[in-house]
Protein backbone atom coordinates (compact mmCIF):
# COMPACT_ATOMS: atom_id res chain seq x y z
CA MET A 1 171.83 100.24 -26.87
CA ALA A 2 171.82 96.48 -26.55
CA SER A 3 172.33 95.07 -23.11
CA SER A 4 175.06 92.58 -22.40
CA LYS A 5 174.52 88.93 -21.51
CA SER A 6 172.05 87.97 -18.81
CA SER A 7 174.87 87.69 -16.26
CA GLY A 8 174.98 91.47 -16.35
CA ARG A 9 178.27 91.89 -18.17
CA ALA A 10 179.92 90.19 -21.08
CA ASN A 11 183.68 89.89 -21.13
CA PHE A 12 185.43 91.43 -24.15
CA ALA A 13 189.17 91.33 -24.76
CA THR A 14 189.21 94.84 -26.26
CA PRO A 15 186.96 97.88 -26.59
CA SER A 16 186.72 97.28 -30.36
CA MET A 17 185.36 93.77 -29.75
CA TRP A 18 182.70 95.28 -27.51
CA LEU A 19 181.92 97.92 -30.15
CA HIS A 20 181.63 95.31 -32.90
CA SER A 21 179.31 93.25 -30.69
CA VAL A 22 177.05 96.24 -29.95
CA ILE A 23 176.79 97.14 -33.66
CA PHE A 24 175.84 93.54 -34.47
CA ASP A 25 173.36 93.20 -31.61
CA GLU A 26 171.67 96.55 -32.34
CA THR A 27 171.34 95.91 -36.07
CA VAL A 28 170.11 92.34 -35.64
CA SER A 29 167.56 93.53 -33.09
CA LYS A 30 166.29 96.41 -35.25
CA ALA A 31 166.15 94.21 -38.36
CA ASN A 32 164.35 91.50 -36.39
CA VAL A 33 166.85 88.90 -37.60
CA ASN A 34 167.76 85.72 -35.78
CA ALA A 35 171.35 86.27 -34.60
CA SER A 36 172.20 82.60 -35.15
CA GLU A 37 171.37 83.03 -38.87
CA ALA A 38 173.37 86.21 -39.37
CA ARG A 39 176.84 87.62 -39.10
CA LEU A 40 178.69 90.91 -39.30
CA THR A 41 182.21 91.20 -40.66
CA VAL A 42 184.37 94.31 -40.51
CA TYR A 43 186.89 94.63 -43.32
CA PHE A 44 189.80 97.04 -43.53
CA HIS A 45 190.87 98.17 -47.01
CA ARG A 46 194.59 97.87 -47.69
CA GLU A 47 196.66 97.49 -50.86
CA ASN A 48 193.75 96.65 -53.21
CA SER A 49 192.39 94.08 -50.77
CA PHE A 50 189.99 93.76 -47.88
CA VAL A 51 191.35 92.26 -44.68
CA SER A 52 188.93 90.71 -42.18
CA VAL A 53 189.35 92.54 -38.91
CA CYS A 54 186.63 90.85 -36.88
CA ARG A 55 183.48 88.84 -37.30
CA ARG A 56 180.44 88.41 -35.04
CA SER A 57 177.51 86.01 -35.17
CA GLY A 58 175.12 84.41 -32.73
CA ASN A 59 176.26 81.10 -34.25
CA PRO A 60 179.87 80.06 -33.50
CA ASN A 61 180.03 78.17 -36.80
CA LEU A 62 179.49 81.45 -38.67
CA SER A 63 181.96 83.45 -36.56
CA SER A 64 185.19 82.00 -37.92
CA ILE A 65 187.13 84.39 -40.14
CA GLY A 66 187.27 82.31 -43.33
CA ARG A 67 189.27 83.79 -46.21
CA GLY A 68 190.81 86.55 -44.15
CA LYS A 69 191.77 88.58 -47.20
CA CYS A 70 189.99 89.16 -50.52
CA PRO A 71 190.58 91.38 -53.58
CA ASP A 72 188.71 94.69 -53.68
CA ASN A 73 187.43 94.09 -57.22
CA GLN A 74 185.42 90.91 -56.59
CA GLY A 75 182.09 90.00 -55.06
CA VAL A 76 179.48 91.97 -53.20
CA ILE A 77 182.10 93.65 -51.07
CA SER A 78 183.57 95.34 -54.17
CA LYS A 79 180.13 96.79 -54.94
CA VAL A 80 179.88 98.14 -51.38
CA TRP A 81 183.31 99.74 -51.77
CA GLN A 82 182.44 101.33 -55.12
CA MET A 83 178.93 102.54 -54.22
CA GLY A 84 179.21 103.29 -50.50
CA ARG A 85 176.24 101.04 -49.72
CA ARG A 86 174.87 97.89 -51.25
CA VAL A 87 171.89 95.64 -50.66
CA GLU A 88 171.60 92.15 -52.18
CA VAL A 89 168.48 90.12 -51.37
CA ASP A 90 166.86 86.97 -52.68
CA LEU A 91 170.12 85.34 -53.69
CA PRO A 92 169.70 81.79 -55.04
CA SER A 93 169.04 79.11 -52.43
CA ASP A 94 170.23 76.42 -54.86
CA VAL A 95 173.95 75.91 -54.19
CA GLU A 96 174.98 75.66 -57.85
CA GLU A 97 173.01 78.80 -58.76
CA TRP A 98 174.52 80.62 -55.77
CA VAL A 99 178.04 79.61 -56.83
CA GLN A 100 177.35 80.85 -60.37
CA SER A 101 175.99 84.14 -59.00
CA CYS A 102 179.26 84.69 -57.11
CA VAL A 103 181.33 83.72 -60.15
CA ASP A 104 179.30 86.29 -62.12
CA HIS A 105 180.42 88.87 -59.51
CA GLY A 106 184.03 88.03 -60.38
CA VAL A 107 184.93 85.59 -57.59
CA ASP A 108 186.99 82.50 -58.44
CA GLU A 109 184.83 79.35 -58.45
CA VAL A 110 187.22 77.36 -56.23
CA GLU A 111 187.12 80.18 -53.66
CA VAL A 112 183.33 80.38 -53.89
CA ARG A 113 182.98 76.68 -53.18
CA GLY A 114 185.06 77.15 -50.03
CA VAL A 115 182.85 80.06 -48.97
CA VAL A 116 179.55 78.26 -49.63
CA ALA A 117 180.74 75.34 -47.49
CA ARG A 118 180.93 77.74 -44.52
CA MET A 119 177.92 80.02 -45.16
CA GLN A 120 175.56 80.43 -48.07
CA SER A 121 174.33 83.97 -47.48
CA LEU A 122 171.01 84.73 -49.12
CA SER A 123 171.04 88.44 -48.30
CA PHE A 124 173.78 91.03 -47.77
CA VAL A 125 173.83 94.62 -46.63
CA GLY A 126 177.07 96.55 -46.63
CA LYS A 127 178.35 100.05 -46.04
CA TRP A 128 181.76 101.55 -46.27
CA ILE A 129 183.06 103.18 -43.16
CA GLY A 130 185.52 105.99 -43.04
CA SER A 131 186.72 109.20 -41.56
CA ARG A 132 186.12 112.69 -42.91
CA GLY A 133 184.62 111.35 -46.14
CA SER A 134 187.45 108.91 -46.91
CA PRO A 135 186.58 105.21 -46.75
CA VAL A 136 188.88 102.92 -44.74
CA GLY A 137 186.83 99.75 -44.71
CA VAL A 138 183.50 98.02 -45.05
CA VAL A 139 180.95 96.53 -42.67
CA LEU A 140 179.07 93.62 -44.20
CA PHE A 141 175.96 92.03 -42.71
CA GLU A 142 174.97 88.61 -44.07
CA SER A 143 171.92 86.44 -43.42
CA LEU A 144 170.95 82.88 -44.22
CA LYS A 145 167.46 84.24 -45.00
CA SER A 146 166.70 85.74 -48.42
CA ARG A 147 165.41 88.98 -46.91
CA GLY A 148 167.04 88.77 -43.51
CA PHE A 149 168.88 92.00 -44.17
CA ASN A 150 167.32 94.33 -46.73
CA ASN A 151 166.81 97.95 -47.78
CA LYS A 152 165.31 98.78 -44.38
CA THR A 153 168.55 97.62 -42.74
CA VAL A 154 170.47 100.30 -44.65
CA GLU A 155 168.33 102.92 -42.92
CA TYR A 156 169.64 101.71 -39.54
CA PHE A 157 173.10 102.91 -40.56
CA ASP A 158 171.71 106.45 -40.46
CA ASP A 159 170.40 106.00 -36.90
CA GLU A 160 172.40 108.38 -34.72
CA GLY A 161 173.55 105.65 -32.32
CA ILE A 162 174.68 103.21 -35.01
CA ARG A 163 176.28 106.01 -37.03
CA LEU A 164 178.29 107.10 -33.99
CA LEU A 165 179.41 103.51 -33.32
CA LEU A 166 180.48 103.11 -36.97
CA ASP A 167 182.43 106.39 -36.74
CA VAL A 168 184.27 105.13 -33.66
CA LEU A 169 184.96 101.83 -35.40
CA SER A 170 186.41 103.76 -38.37
CA GLU A 171 188.73 105.67 -36.07
CA ILE A 172 189.92 102.41 -34.48
CA LEU A 173 190.69 101.01 -37.95
CA ILE A 174 192.68 104.13 -38.79
CA VAL A 175 194.72 103.76 -35.59
CA VAL A 176 195.55 100.07 -36.13
CA ARG A 177 196.22 100.48 -39.86
CA GLY A 178 199.81 101.49 -39.24
CA SER A 179 200.55 98.34 -37.26
CA LEU A 180 199.57 95.95 -40.05
CA SER A 181 202.16 94.22 -42.19
CA SER A 182 201.36 93.52 -45.84
CA GLU A 183 201.45 89.77 -45.14
CA LEU A 184 198.91 89.99 -42.33
CA GLU A 185 195.55 88.50 -43.28
CA HIS A 186 193.84 88.83 -39.92
CA ILE A 187 194.36 91.33 -37.12
CA PRO A 188 194.81 89.37 -33.89
CA ALA A 189 192.12 90.16 -31.32
CA ASN A 190 194.65 91.62 -28.91
CA ARG A 191 195.73 94.24 -31.49
CA THR A 192 192.34 95.84 -32.13
């Protein structure tokens, strides 16, 4: 597994933050992706929506939560939810073409313009996570590179170590699910 910062130990507010960081670090390392050009977001599925639980990137500008909550029938994340796994590569580098691509996936144009201002992902890899065959959420890796994450990245999800970490993350989501209110758009770090 990935080692912590050069000081020997990184400080994490909760075990789930540590787990999220390890999943990100391991996948970025195996995919040979620059961590400052990538991010991982964990989404919990609730009431026909995805709620951002946590986000990790090597770039602080890409780590902010953003929308917080999005419908489960729009965008790449909806395809991940429906299919179990999804890979999108070579997305348009032209901003207007990228916006249109997202609109074609069912996302509102005003929302897309807000997203593209924060990060114009050119490749996505996602997988639903769950317990005993029932999905509870989605992990979504994004890269600023057109093939930063790709079909090979999906294979890493089957690696025993990553699979175990995703299983633990699923169990954590199941535990915290009961403490969420329907108005909550982001789980505070001290509750995960």
